[in-house]
């Protein structure tokens, strides 16, 4: 799972785009969430991000308790 804030000035969006390209070329399945106008720390979307992480982990572990 990848998460990126479009206003991140530590990791530019181009880095994420290149990483996505590399994953795709290697046929690696992934999920990407881009948070518009959020910075590197994703502070304005933390609750949404945490919810996404929990859902992702549940999917990875077939719904087992985490």
C-alpha atoms as a PDB file:
ATOM      1  CA  UNK A   1       0.000   0.000   0.000  1.00  0.00           C
ATOM      2  CA  UNK A   2       1.310   3.407  -0.977  1.00  0.00           C
ATOM      3  CA  UNK A   3       0.061   6.751   0.297  1.00  0.00           C
ATOM      4  CA  UNK A   4       1.249  10.098  -1.007  1.00  0.00           C
ATOM      5  CA  UNK A   5       0.334  13.706  -0.309  1.00  0.00           C
ATOM      6  CA  UNK A   6       0.373  15.733  -3.511  1.00  0.00           C
ATOM      7  CA  UNK A   7       1.856  18.738  -1.660  1.00  0.00           C
ATOM      8  CA  UNK A   8       4.728  16.658  -0.219  1.00  0.00           C
ATOM      9  CA  UNK A   9       7.993  18.569  -0.633  1.00  0.00           C
ATOM     10  CA  UNK A  10      10.154  15.772   0.859  1.00  0.00           C
ATOM     11  CA  UNK A  11       9.118  13.032  -1.564  1.00  0.00           C
ATOM     12  CA  UNK A  12       8.002  14.533  -4.845  1.00  0.00           C
ATOM     13  CA  UNK A  13       5.090  12.972  -6.688  1.00  0.00           C
ATOM     14  CA  UNK A  14       7.426  12.050  -9.558  1.00  0.00           C
ATOM     15  CA  UNK A  15       9.181   9.622  -7.177  1.00  0.00           C
ATOM     16  CA  UNK A  16       5.879   7.898  -6.471  1.00  0.00           C
ATOM     17  CA  UNK A  17       5.068   7.787 -10.188  1.00  0.00           C
ATOM     18  CA  UNK A  18       8.433   6.159 -10.945  1.00  0.00           C
ATOM     19  CA  UNK A  19       7.931   3.640  -8.132  1.00  0.00           C
ATOM     20  CA  UNK A  20       4.452   2.804  -9.453  1.00  0.00           C
ATOM     21  CA  UNK A  21       5.927   2.288 -12.924  1.00  0.00           C
ATOM     22  CA  UNK A  22       8.572  -0.086 -11.534  1.00  0.00           C
ATOM     23  CA  UNK A  23       5.981  -2.066  -9.563  1.00  0.00           C
ATOM     24  CA  UNK A  24       3.761  -2.315 -12.628  1.00  0.00           C
ATOM     25  CA  UNK A  25       6.634  -3.466 -14.842  1.00  0.00           C
ATOM     26  CA  UNK A  26       7.360  -6.248 -12.334  1.00  0.00           C
ATOM     27  CA  UNK A  27       3.654  -7.146 -12.142  1.00  0.00           C
ATOM     28  CA  UNK A  28       3.543  -6.358  -8.417  1.00  0.00           C
ATOM     29  CA  UNK A  29       0.023  -5.761  -7.137  1.00  0.00           C
ATOM     30  CA  UNK A  30      -0.334  -2.650  -4.993  1.00  0.00           C
ATOM     31  CA  UNK A  31      -2.797  -0.045  -3.794  1.00  0.00           C
ATOM     32  CA  UNK A  32      -2.165   3.685  -4.048  1.00  0.00           C
ATOM     33  CA  UNK A  33      -3.954   6.497  -2.246  1.00  0.00           C
ATOM     34  CA  UNK A  34      -3.091  10.063  -3.224  1.00  0.00           C
ATOM     35  CA  UNK A  35      -4.195  12.785  -0.829  1.00  0.00           C
ATOM     36  CA  UNK A  36      -4.675  16.039  -2.735  1.00  0.00           C
ATOM     37  CA  UNK A  37      -2.931  19.094  -1.262  1.00  0.00           C
ATOM     38  CA  UNK A  38      -1.611  17.230   1.781  1.00  0.00           C
ATOM     39  CA  UNK A  39       2.026  17.339   2.865  1.00  0.00           C
ATOM     40  CA  UNK A  40       4.558  14.663   3.818  1.00  0.00           C
ATOM     41  CA  UNK A  41       3.049  13.962   7.248  1.00  0.00           C
ATOM     42  CA  UNK A  42      -0.504  13.534   5.877  1.00  0.00           C
ATOM     43  CA  UNK A  43      -1.801  15.269   9.008  1.00  0.00           C
ATOM     44  CA  UNK A  44      -5.186  16.322   7.627  1.00  0.00           C
ATOM     45  CA  UNK A  45      -6.131  12.806   6.490  1.00  0.00           C
ATOM     46  CA  UNK A  46      -4.686  10.695   9.281  1.00  0.00           C
ATOM     47  CA  UNK A  47      -7.961   9.060  10.310  1.00  0.00           C
ATOM     48  CA  UNK A  48      -8.732   8.123   6.706  1.00  0.00           C
ATOM     49  CA  UNK A  49      -5.200   6.805   6.194  1.00  0.00           C
ATOM     50  CA  UNK A  50      -5.301   4.716   9.384  1.00  0.00           C
ATOM     51  CA  UNK A  51      -8.625   3.249   8.311  1.00  0.00           C
ATOM     52  CA  UNK A  52      -7.146   2.377   4.911  1.00  0.00           C
ATOM     53  CA  UNK A  53      -4.132   0.729   6.561  1.00  0.00           C
ATOM     54  CA  UNK A  54      -6.344  -1.425   8.808  1.00  0.00           C
ATOM     55  CA  UNK A  55      -8.492  -2.484   5.840  1.00  0.00           C
ATOM     56  CA  UNK A  56      -5.369  -3.295   3.828  1.00  0.00           C
ATOM     57  CA  UNK A  57      -3.883  -5.416   6.627  1.00  0.00           C
ATOM     58  CA  UNK A  58      -7.156  -7.269   7.156  1.00  0.00           C
ATOM     59  CA  UNK A  59      -7.216  -8.067   3.452  1.00  0.00           C
ATOM     60  CA  UNK A  60      -3.592  -9.249   3.568  1.00  0.00           C
ATOM     61  CA  UNK A  61      -4.293 -11.508   6.540  1.00  0.00           C
ATOM     62  CA  UNK A  62      -7.641 -12.778   5.245  1.00  0.00           C
ATOM     63  CA  UNK A  63      -9.692 -11.010   7.897  1.00  0.00           C
ATOM     64  CA  UNK A  64      -7.759 -12.494  10.831  1.00  0.00           C
ATOM     65  CA  UNK A  65      -7.631 -10.398  13.980  1.00  0.00           C
ATOM     66  CA  UNK A  66      -4.712  -8.018  13.873  1.00  0.00           C
END
